[in-house]
């Protein structure tokens, strides 16, 4: 870990075919072509996992770590195929909404589920900026011992509220041993360069993805700060035999954080 979205084993796999998306939007949904062309970013090598699959890659990491006993190890490639087959999205855009966390429960037959989430809506008034040391759900997770958080993983959204170009998804590093008061949190980042090793933090991710000029423009336009977070999703193992979630330690810590003034 982390899985890299541009890994040669799956990086070139197509998530959406932009030409088909535009055709669907104009010919079936009656959308004007200039508007349809703005639905999806254009890449020279296509809308692939390498270019568009940060959230998908985070989901594959969650499945791989929380459901290792699956018949075959989950990867971004296998999850992309499963998501398309289940119509979470299609190459043509006939189904095209933000990739939903429900996918993890469906493909794992309930073994991995969304336990809690917070969204912070960057650059949307009157929402204040949120950070890893101020957001209650993130603080709660980072304050748990490694043993208490063993059955839970937290995905963060970074960047803009709009997912078209300048948002990004990462996981909090489940093995990080640092105070919840550290703002520049350690993460597992699908965009982390393949040759890079060692600690990787929110600020590293921001600096790296903003080498893409279109992402940099989006962050500047919305005043996004390098360590700012846009949302947090906590996923947990579910004990099907007992019908109970493994998120009890997180929920208890979260309630304490929410009670803080």
C-alpha atoms as a PDB file:
ATOM      1  CA  UNK A   1       0.000   0.000   0.000  1.00  0.00           C
ATOM      2  CA  UNK A   2      -0.812   2.412  -1.325  1.00  0.00           C
ATOM      3  CA  UNK A   3      -2.193   1.125  -4.589  1.00  0.00           C
ATOM      4  CA  UNK A   4      -1.147   3.620  -7.289  1.00  0.00           C
ATOM      5  CA  UNK A   5      -3.849   4.606  -9.736  1.00  0.00           C
ATOM      6  CA  UNK A   6      -1.281   4.789 -12.554  1.00  0.00           C
ATOM      7  CA  UNK A   7       0.081   1.290 -11.889  1.00  0.00           C
ATOM      8  CA  UNK A   8       0.708  -0.356 -15.317  1.00  0.00           C
ATOM      9  CA  UNK A   9      -1.422  -3.323 -14.233  1.00  0.00           C
ATOM     10  CA  UNK A  10      -4.589  -1.211 -14.383  1.00  0.00           C
ATOM     11  CA  UNK A  11      -3.736   2.439 -15.055  1.00  0.00           C
ATOM     12  CA  UNK A  12      -4.810   2.322 -18.719  1.00  0.00           C
ATOM     13  CA  UNK A  13      -8.183   0.701 -17.997  1.00  0.00           C
ATOM     14  CA  UNK A  14     -10.995   2.981 -19.138  1.00  0.00           C
ATOM     15  CA  UNK A  15     -13.597   4.197 -16.664  1.00  0.00           C
ATOM     16  CA  UNK A  16     -15.551   6.443 -19.050  1.00  0.00           C
ATOM     17  CA  UNK A  17     -15.355   6.915 -22.808  1.00  0.00           C
ATOM     18  CA  UNK A  18     -15.724  10.680 -23.189  1.00  0.00           C
ATOM     19  CA  UNK A  19     -16.954  10.454 -26.783  1.00  0.00           C
ATOM     20  CA  UNK A  20     -19.731   8.084 -25.724  1.00  0.00           C
ATOM     21  CA  UNK A  21     -20.572  10.260 -22.724  1.00  0.00           C
ATOM     22  CA  UNK A  22     -21.008  13.308 -24.970  1.00  0.00           C
ATOM     23  CA  UNK A  23     -23.078  11.284 -27.449  1.00  0.00           C
ATOM     24  CA  UNK A  24     -25.325   9.988 -24.671  1.00  0.00           C
ATOM     25  CA  UNK A  25     -25.772  13.448 -23.183  1.00  0.00           C
ATOM     26  CA  UNK A  26     -26.652  15.099 -26.495  1.00  0.00           C
ATOM     27  CA  UNK A  27     -28.614  12.377 -28.307  1.00  0.00           C
ATOM     28  CA  UNK A  28     -30.460  10.811 -25.367  1.00  0.00           C
ATOM     29  CA  UNK A  29     -30.600  13.528 -22.720  1.00  0.00           C
ATOM     30  CA  UNK A  30     -31.008  16.441 -25.138  1.00  0.00           C
ATOM     31  CA  UNK A  31     -28.099  18.397 -23.740  1.00  0.00           C
ATOM     32  CA  UNK A  32     -26.368  21.072 -25.801  1.00  0.00           C
ATOM     33  CA  UNK A  33     -22.950  19.894 -26.964  1.00  0.00           C
ATOM     34  CA  UNK A  34     -20.890  22.643 -25.237  1.00  0.00           C
ATOM     35  CA  UNK A  35     -22.504  21.698 -21.913  1.00  0.00           C
ATOM     36  CA  UNK A  36     -22.043  17.982 -22.565  1.00  0.00           C
ATOM     37  CA  UNK A  37     -18.374  18.527 -23.289  1.00  0.00           C
ATOM     38  CA  UNK A  38     -17.989  20.044 -19.822  1.00  0.00           C
ATOM     39  CA  UNK A  39     -19.271  16.943 -18.053  1.00  0.00           C
ATOM     40  CA  UNK A  40     -15.897  15.252 -18.187  1.00  0.00           C
ATOM     41  CA  UNK A  41     -12.322  16.327 -18.527  1.00  0.00           C
ATOM     42  CA  UNK A  42     -10.516  15.496 -21.749  1.00  0.00           C
ATOM     43  CA  UNK A  43      -7.250  13.528 -21.502  1.00  0.00           C
ATOM     44  CA  UNK A  44      -5.000  12.604 -24.441  1.00  0.00           C
ATOM     45  CA  UNK A  45      -4.974   8.973 -23.305  1.00  0.00           C
ATOM     46  CA  UNK A  46      -8.575   8.789 -22.143  1.00  0.00           C
ATOM     47  CA  UNK A  47     -10.591   8.818 -18.935  1.00  0.00           C
ATOM     48  CA  UNK A  48      -8.665   5.969 -17.373  1.00  0.00           C
ATOM     49  CA  UNK A  49      -7.999   4.799 -13.846  1.00  0.00           C
ATOM     50  CA  UNK A  50      -4.641   6.578 -14.010  1.00  0.00           C
ATOM     51  CA  UNK A  51      -6.346   9.871 -14.835  1.00  0.00           C
ATOM     52  CA  UNK A  52      -9.685   9.623 -13.008  1.00  0.00           C
ATOM     53  CA  UNK A  53      -9.482   6.737 -10.569  1.00  0.00           C
ATOM     54  CA  UNK A  54      -8.277   8.112  -7.235  1.00  0.00           C
ATOM     55  CA  UNK A  55     -11.538   7.369  -5.416  1.00  0.00           C
ATOM     56  CA  UNK A  56     -11.875   3.985  -7.104  1.00  0.00           C
ATOM     57  CA  UNK A  57      -8.306   3.167  -6.059  1.00  0.00           C
ATOM     58  CA  UNK A  58      -9.042   4.206  -2.462  1.00  0.00           C
ATOM     59  CA  UNK A  59     -12.081   1.928  -2.479  1.00  0.00           C
ATOM     60  CA  UNK A  60      -9.943  -0.954  -3.765  1.00  0.00           C
ATOM     61  CA  UNK A  61      -7.465  -0.366  -0.934  1.00  0.00           C
ATOM     62  CA  UNK A  62     -10.287  -0.401   1.613  1.00  0.00           C
ATOM     63  CA  UNK A  63     -11.584  -3.704   0.264  1.00  0.00           C
ATOM     64  CA  UNK A  64      -8.104  -5.217   0.115  1.00  0.00           C
ATOM     65  CA  UNK A  65      -7.313  -4.309   3.733  1.00  0.00           C
ATOM     66  CA  UNK A  66     -10.713  -4.839   5.366  1.00  0.00           C
ATOM     67  CA  UNK A  67     -11.785  -7.895   3.348  1.00  0.00           C
ATOM     68  CA  UNK A  68      -8.567  -9.812   2.636  1.00  0.00           C
ATOM     69  CA  UNK A  69     -10.392 -13.154   2.760  1.00  0.00           C
ATOM     70  CA  UNK A  70     -12.261 -12.350  -0.488  1.00  0.00           C
ATOM     71  CA  UNK A  71     -11.997 -15.034  -3.155  1.00  0.00           C
ATOM     72  CA  UNK A  72      -9.641 -12.849  -5.186  1.00  0.00           C
ATOM     73  CA  UNK A  73      -7.730  -9.807  -3.963  1.00  0.00           C
ATOM     74  CA  UNK A  74      -9.491  -6.595  -4.940  1.00  0.00           C
ATOM     75  CA  UNK A  75      -7.575  -4.216  -7.210  1.00  0.00           C
ATOM     76  CA  UNK A  76      -8.594  -1.032  -9.038  1.00  0.00           C
ATOM     77  CA  UNK A  77      -8.985  -3.160 -12.202  1.00  0.00           C
ATOM     78  CA  UNK A  78     -11.366  -5.698 -10.693  1.00  0.00           C
ATOM     79  CA  UNK A  79     -13.344  -3.020  -8.852  1.00  0.00           C
ATOM     80  CA  UNK A  80     -13.657  -0.907 -12.010  1.00  0.00           C
ATOM     81  CA  UNK A  81     -15.122  -3.881 -13.840  1.00  0.00           C
ATOM     82  CA  UNK A  82     -17.488  -4.680 -10.979  1.00  0.00           C
ATOM     83  CA  UNK A  83     -18.661  -1.052 -10.743  1.00  0.00           C
ATOM     84  CA  UNK A  84     -19.384  -0.903 -14.470  1.00  0.00           C
ATOM     85  CA  UNK A  85     -21.203  -4.235 -14.401  1.00  0.00           C
ATOM     86  CA  UNK A  86     -23.363  -3.032 -11.496  1.00  0.00           C
ATOM     87  CA  UNK A  87     -24.086   0.297 -13.286  1.00  0.00           C
ATOM     88  CA  UNK A  88     -22.484   2.518 -10.672  1.00  0.00           C
ATOM     89  CA  UNK A  89     -21.071   4.166 -13.774  1.00  0.00           C
ATOM     90  CA  UNK A  90     -20.752   3.102 -17.408  1.00  0.00           C
ATOM     91  CA  UNK A  91     -18.395   3.984 -20.225  1.00  0.00           C
ATOM     92  CA  UNK A  92     -21.196   5.782 -22.042  1.00  0.00           C
ATOM     93  CA  UNK A  93     -22.376   7.790 -19.050  1.00  0.00           C
ATOM     94  CA  UNK A  94     -25.870   6.255 -19.083  1.00  0.00           C
ATOM     95  CA  UNK A  95     -25.238   5.958 -15.373  1.00  0.00           C
ATOM     96  CA  UNK A  96     -22.974   8.753 -14.218  1.00  0.00           C
ATOM     97  CA  UNK A  97     -23.192   9.961 -10.650  1.00  0.00           C
ATOM     98  CA  UNK A  98     -20.438  10.449  -8.097  1.00  0.00           C
ATOM     99  CA  UNK A  99     -19.024   7.019  -7.286  1.00  0.00           C
ATOM    100  CA  UNK A 100     -20.997   5.837  -4.257  1.00  0.00           C
ATOM    101  CA  UNK A 101     -19.670   4.209  -1.105  1.00  0.00           C
ATOM    102  CA  UNK A 102     -22.505   1.651  -1.386  1.00  0.00           C
ATOM    103  CA  UNK A 103     -20.363  -0.107  -3.993  1.00  0.00           C
ATOM    104  CA  UNK A 104     -18.136  -1.526  -1.249  1.00  0.00           C
ATOM    105  CA  UNK A 105     -21.043  -3.124   0.574  1.00  0.00           C
ATOM    106  CA  UNK A 106     -22.451  -4.564  -2.641  1.00  0.00           C
ATOM    107  CA  UNK A 107     -19.265  -6.191  -3.934  1.00  0.00           C
ATOM    108  CA  UNK A 108     -18.294  -7.521  -0.467  1.00  0.00           C
ATOM    109  CA  UNK A 109     -21.826  -8.793   0.305  1.00  0.00           C
ATOM    110  CA  UNK A 110     -21.948  -6.492   3.308  1.00  0.00           C
ATOM    111  CA  UNK A 111     -18.579  -7.440   4.773  1.00  0.00           C
ATOM    112  CA  UNK A 112     -17.306  -3.850   4.320  1.00  0.00           C
ATOM    113  CA  UNK A 113     -19.689  -0.962   4.940  1.00  0.00           C
ATOM    114  CA  UNK A 114     -19.736   2.798   5.328  1.00  0.00           C
ATOM    115  CA  UNK A 115     -19.971   3.508   9.053  1.00  0.00           C
ATOM    116  CA  UNK A 116     -19.942   7.322   9.195  1.00  0.00           C
ATOM    117  CA  UNK A 117     -19.109  10.376   7.128  1.00  0.00           C
ATOM    118  CA  UNK A 118     -18.648  14.125   7.371  1.00  0.00           C
ATOM    119  CA  UNK A 119     -18.577  16.557   4.441  1.00  0.00           C
ATOM    120  CA  UNK A 120     -17.106  20.043   4.767  1.00  0.00           C
ATOM    121  CA  UNK A 121     -18.041  21.692   1.416  1.00  0.00           C
ATOM    122  CA  UNK A 122     -14.930  23.790   0.676  1.00  0.00           C
ATOM    123  CA  UNK A 123     -15.556  27.255  -0.774  1.00  0.00           C
ATOM    124  CA  UNK A 124     -19.295  26.874  -0.177  1.00  0.00           C
ATOM    125  CA  UNK A 125     -20.653  29.588   2.130  1.00  0.00           C
ATOM    126  CA  UNK A 126     -21.023  29.611   5.087  1.00  0.00           C
ATOM    127  CA  UNK A 127     -18.999  26.437   5.653  1.00  0.00           C
ATOM    128  CA  UNK A 128     -15.691  27.102   7.443  1.00  0.00           C
ATOM    129  CA  UNK A 129     -12.457  25.448   6.344  1.00  0.00           C
ATOM    130  CA  UNK A 130     -11.847  22.006   7.844  1.00  0.00           C
ATOM    131  CA  UNK A 131      -8.546  20.310   8.608  1.00  0.00           C
ATOM    132  CA  UNK A 132      -7.393  16.953   9.950  1.00  0.00           C
ATOM    133  CA  UNK A 133      -6.888  18.476  13.402  1.00  0.00           C
ATOM    134  CA  UNK A 134     -10.294  20.196  13.523  1.00  0.00           C
ATOM    135  CA  UNK A 135     -12.751  17.766  11.868  1.00  0.00           C
ATOM    136  CA  UNK A 136     -14.387  15.596  14.577  1.00  0.00           C
ATOM    137  CA  UNK A 137     -14.537  12.307  12.647  1.00  0.00           C
ATOM    138  CA  UNK A 138     -10.909  12.584  11.541  1.00  0.00           C
ATOM    139  CA  UNK A 139      -9.706  13.509  15.019  1.00  0.00           C
ATOM    140  CA  UNK A 140     -11.632  10.587  16.489  1.00  0.00           C
ATOM    141  CA  UNK A 141     -10.010   8.059  14.146  1.00  0.00           C
ATOM    142  CA  UNK A 142      -6.506   9.431  14.571  1.00  0.00           C
ATOM    143  CA  UNK A 143      -6.894   9.377  18.372  1.00  0.00           C
ATOM    144  CA  UNK A 144      -7.564   5.616  18.432  1.00  0.00           C
ATOM    145  CA  UNK A 145      -4.844   3.100  19.171  1.00  0.00           C
ATOM    146  CA  UNK A 146      -3.710   0.940  16.223  1.00  0.00           C
ATOM    147  CA  UNK A 147      -5.592  -1.999  17.747  1.00  0.00           C
ATOM    148  CA  UNK A 148      -8.825   0.010  18.126  1.00  0.00           C
ATOM    149  CA  UNK A 149      -8.720   1.236  14.539  1.00  0.00           C
ATOM    150  CA  UNK A 150      -7.742  -2.141  13.039  1.00  0.00           C
ATOM    151  CA  UNK A 151     -11.195  -2.773  11.585  1.00  0.00           C
ATOM    152  CA  UNK A 152     -11.752   0.744  10.252  1.00  0.00           C
ATOM    153  CA  UNK A 153     -10.283   2.904   7.476  1.00  0.00           C
ATOM    154  CA  UNK A 154     -10.983   6.565   6.695  1.00  0.00           C
ATOM    155  CA  UNK A 155     -11.004   8.049   3.213  1.00  0.00           C
ATOM    156  CA  UNK A 156     -10.515  11.807   2.815  1.00  0.00           C
ATOM    157  CA  UNK A 157     -11.648  14.057   0.025  1.00  0.00           C
ATOM    158  CA  UNK A 158      -9.247  16.885  -0.794  1.00  0.00           C
ATOM    159  CA  UNK A 159      -9.504  19.890  -3.078  1.00  0.00           C
ATOM    160  CA  UNK A 160     -12.676  21.355  -4.534  1.00  0.00           C
ATOM    161  CA  UNK A 161     -16.313  20.516  -3.825  1.00  0.00           C
ATOM    162  CA  UNK A 162     -16.766  19.980  -7.583  1.00  0.00           C
ATOM    163  CA  UNK A 163     -15.427  16.553  -8.548  1.00  0.00           C
ATOM    164  CA  UNK A 164     -14.964  17.320 -12.258  1.00  0.00           C
ATOM    165  CA  UNK A 165     -11.292  18.365 -12.189  1.00  0.00           C
ATOM    166  CA  UNK A 166      -9.753  19.509  -8.929  1.00  0.00           C
ATOM    167  CA  UNK A 167     -10.860  17.100  -6.191  1.00  0.00           C
ATOM    168  CA  UNK A 168      -8.817  14.142  -4.972  1.00  0.00           C
ATOM    169  CA  UNK A 169      -9.237  11.164  -2.634  1.00  0.00           C
ATOM    170  CA  UNK A 170      -6.745   9.557  -0.227  1.00  0.00           C
ATOM    171  CA  UNK A 171      -6.792   7.317   2.855  1.00  0.00           C
ATOM    172  CA  UNK A 172      -5.561   8.229   6.299  1.00  0.00           C
ATOM    173  CA  UNK A 173      -2.579   5.994   7.028  1.00  0.00           C
ATOM    174  CA  UNK A 174      -3.991   3.352   9.414  1.00  0.00           C
ATOM    175  CA  UNK A 175      -0.522   2.682  10.841  1.00  0.00           C
ATOM    176  CA  UNK A 176       0.317   6.308  11.614  1.00  0.00           C
ATOM    177  CA  UNK A 177       1.213   6.952  15.241  1.00  0.00           C
ATOM    178  CA  UNK A 178       0.796  10.699  15.572  1.00  0.00           C
ATOM    179  CA  UNK A 179      -1.331  13.068  17.577  1.00  0.00           C
ATOM    180  CA  UNK A 180      -4.761  14.144  16.262  1.00  0.00           C
ATOM    181  CA  UNK A 181      -3.404  17.684  16.726  1.00  0.00           C
ATOM    182  CA  UNK A 182      -0.981  17.223  13.805  1.00  0.00           C
ATOM    183  CA  UNK A 183      -2.616  19.051  10.905  1.00  0.00           C
ATOM    184  CA  UNK A 184      -0.474  17.640   8.090  1.00  0.00           C
ATOM    185  CA  UNK A 185      -1.660  14.052   8.446  1.00  0.00           C
ATOM    186  CA  UNK A 186       0.086  10.963   7.111  1.00  0.00           C
ATOM    187  CA  UNK A 187      -1.838   9.405   4.235  1.00  0.00           C
ATOM    188  CA  UNK A 188      -1.942   6.619   1.653  1.00  0.00           C
ATOM    189  CA  UNK A 189      -2.257   8.447  -1.673  1.00  0.00           C
ATOM    190  CA  UNK A 190      -3.215   6.820  -5.001  1.00  0.00           C
ATOM    191  CA  UNK A 191      -1.330   9.658  -6.746  1.00  0.00           C
ATOM    192  CA  UNK A 192       1.923   9.102  -4.833  1.00  0.00           C
ATOM    193  CA  UNK A 193       4.730   8.673  -7.402  1.00  0.00           C
ATOM    194  CA  UNK A 194       5.698   5.037  -7.911  1.00  0.00           C
ATOM    195  CA  UNK A 195       9.343   5.572  -6.983  1.00  0.00           C
ATOM    196  CA  UNK A 196       8.620   7.515  -3.806  1.00  0.00           C
ATOM    197  CA  UNK A 197       9.037   5.816  -0.431  1.00  0.00           C
ATOM    198  CA  UNK A 198       8.815   7.006   3.133  1.00  0.00           C
ATOM    199  CA  UNK A 199       6.253   9.274   4.839  1.00  0.00           C
ATOM    200  CA  UNK A 200       3.704  11.018   2.600  1.00  0.00           C
ATOM    201  CA  UNK A 201       1.469  13.732   3.995  1.00  0.00           C
ATOM    202  CA  UNK A 202      -1.449  15.910   2.938  1.00  0.00           C
ATOM    203  CA  UNK A 203       0.930  18.700   1.926  1.00  0.00           C
ATOM    204  CA  UNK A 204       2.949  16.264  -0.222  1.00  0.00           C
ATOM    205  CA  UNK A 205      -0.221  15.198  -2.008  1.00  0.00           C
ATOM    206  CA  UNK A 206      -1.308  18.797  -2.579  1.00  0.00           C
ATOM    207  CA  UNK A 207       2.075  19.774  -3.994  1.00  0.00           C
ATOM    208  CA  UNK A 208       2.165  16.747  -6.288  1.00  0.00           C
ATOM    209  CA  UNK A 209      -1.341  16.863  -7.764  1.00  0.00           C
ATOM    210  CA  UNK A 210      -1.150  20.656  -8.207  1.00  0.00           C
ATOM    211  CA  UNK A 211       1.685  20.186 -10.696  1.00  0.00           C
ATOM    212  CA  UNK A 212      -1.314  19.566 -12.975  1.00  0.00           C
ATOM    213  CA  UNK A 213      -2.109  23.147 -14.067  1.00  0.00           C
ATOM    214  CA  UNK A 214      -5.873  22.565 -14.291  1.00  0.00           C
ATOM    215  CA  UNK A 215      -5.988  21.254 -10.732  1.00  0.00           C
ATOM    216  CA  UNK A 216      -3.820  24.137  -9.541  1.00  0.00           C
ATOM    217  CA  UNK A 217      -6.214  26.641 -11.139  1.00  0.00           C
ATOM    218  CA  UNK A 218      -9.175  25.014  -9.397  1.00  0.00           C
ATOM    219  CA  UNK A 219      -7.471  25.089  -6.012  1.00  0.00           C
ATOM    220  CA  UNK A 220      -6.469  28.736  -6.402  1.00  0.00           C
ATOM    221  CA  UNK A 221      -9.943  29.769  -7.556  1.00  0.00           C
ATOM    222  CA  UNK A 222     -11.534  28.248  -4.444  1.00  0.00           C
ATOM    223  CA  UNK A 223      -8.736  29.250  -2.073  1.00  0.00           C
ATOM    224  CA  UNK A 224      -8.003  25.638  -1.107  1.00  0.00           C
ATOM    225  CA  UNK A 225      -5.151  25.324   1.390  1.00  0.00           C
ATOM    226  CA  UNK A 226      -2.597  22.471   1.108  1.00  0.00           C
ATOM    227  CA  UNK A 227      -3.749  20.657   4.271  1.00  0.00           C
ATOM    228  CA  UNK A 228      -7.458  21.432   3.945  1.00  0.00           C
ATOM    229  CA  UNK A 229      -9.923  18.538   3.807  1.00  0.00           C
ATOM    230  CA  UNK A 230     -13.282  18.426   2.036  1.00  0.00           C
ATOM    231  CA  UNK A 231     -14.802  15.316   3.585  1.00  0.00           C
ATOM    232  CA  UNK A 232     -14.198  12.084   5.492  1.00  0.00           C
ATOM    233  CA  UNK A 233     -15.738   8.618   5.024  1.00  0.00           C
ATOM    234  CA  UNK A 234     -15.166   5.865   7.608  1.00  0.00           C
ATOM    235  CA  UNK A 235     -15.460   2.263   6.419  1.00  0.00           C
ATOM    236  CA  UNK A 236     -15.608  -0.723   8.737  1.00  0.00           C
ATOM    237  CA  UNK A 237     -15.765  -4.482   8.783  1.00  0.00           C
ATOM    238  CA  UNK A 238     -19.217  -5.872   9.534  1.00  0.00           C
ATOM    239  CA  UNK A 239     -19.599  -9.017  11.630  1.00  0.00           C
ATOM    240  CA  UNK A 240     -22.333 -10.792   9.691  1.00  0.00           C
ATOM    241  CA  UNK A 241     -22.639 -13.626  12.211  1.00  0.00           C
ATOM    242  CA  UNK A 242     -23.495 -11.243  15.041  1.00  0.00           C
ATOM    243  CA  UNK A 243     -25.002  -8.457  12.946  1.00  0.00           C
ATOM    244  CA  UNK A 244     -22.709  -5.838  14.434  1.00  0.00           C
ATOM    245  CA  UNK A 245     -20.354  -3.235  13.027  1.00  0.00           C
ATOM    246  CA  UNK A 246     -16.710  -3.034  14.006  1.00  0.00           C
ATOM    247  CA  UNK A 247     -16.909   0.729  14.378  1.00  0.00           C
ATOM    248  CA  UNK A 248     -17.743   0.869  18.103  1.00  0.00           C
ATOM    249  CA  UNK A 249     -14.381   2.398  19.156  1.00  0.00           C
ATOM    250  CA  UNK A 250     -14.630   5.028  16.412  1.00  0.00           C
ATOM    251  CA  UNK A 251     -18.233   5.912  17.233  1.00  0.00           C
ATOM    252  CA  UNK A 252     -17.394   6.335  20.910  1.00  0.00           C
ATOM    253  CA  UNK A 253     -14.423   8.578  20.111  1.00  0.00           C
ATOM    254  CA  UNK A 254     -16.466  10.514  17.533  1.00  0.00           C
ATOM    255  CA  UNK A 255     -19.189  11.272  20.075  1.00  0.00           C
ATOM    256  CA  UNK A 256     -16.578  12.656  22.442  1.00  0.00           C
ATOM    257  CA  UNK A 257     -15.138  14.874  19.707  1.00  0.00           C
ATOM    258  CA  UNK A 258     -18.600  16.136  18.778  1.00  0.00           C
ATOM    259  CA  UNK A 259     -19.237  17.017  22.432  1.00  0.00           C
ATOM    260  CA  UNK A 260     -16.168  19.239  22.571  1.00  0.00           C
ATOM    261  CA  UNK A 261     -16.883  22.966  22.609  1.00  0.00           C
END
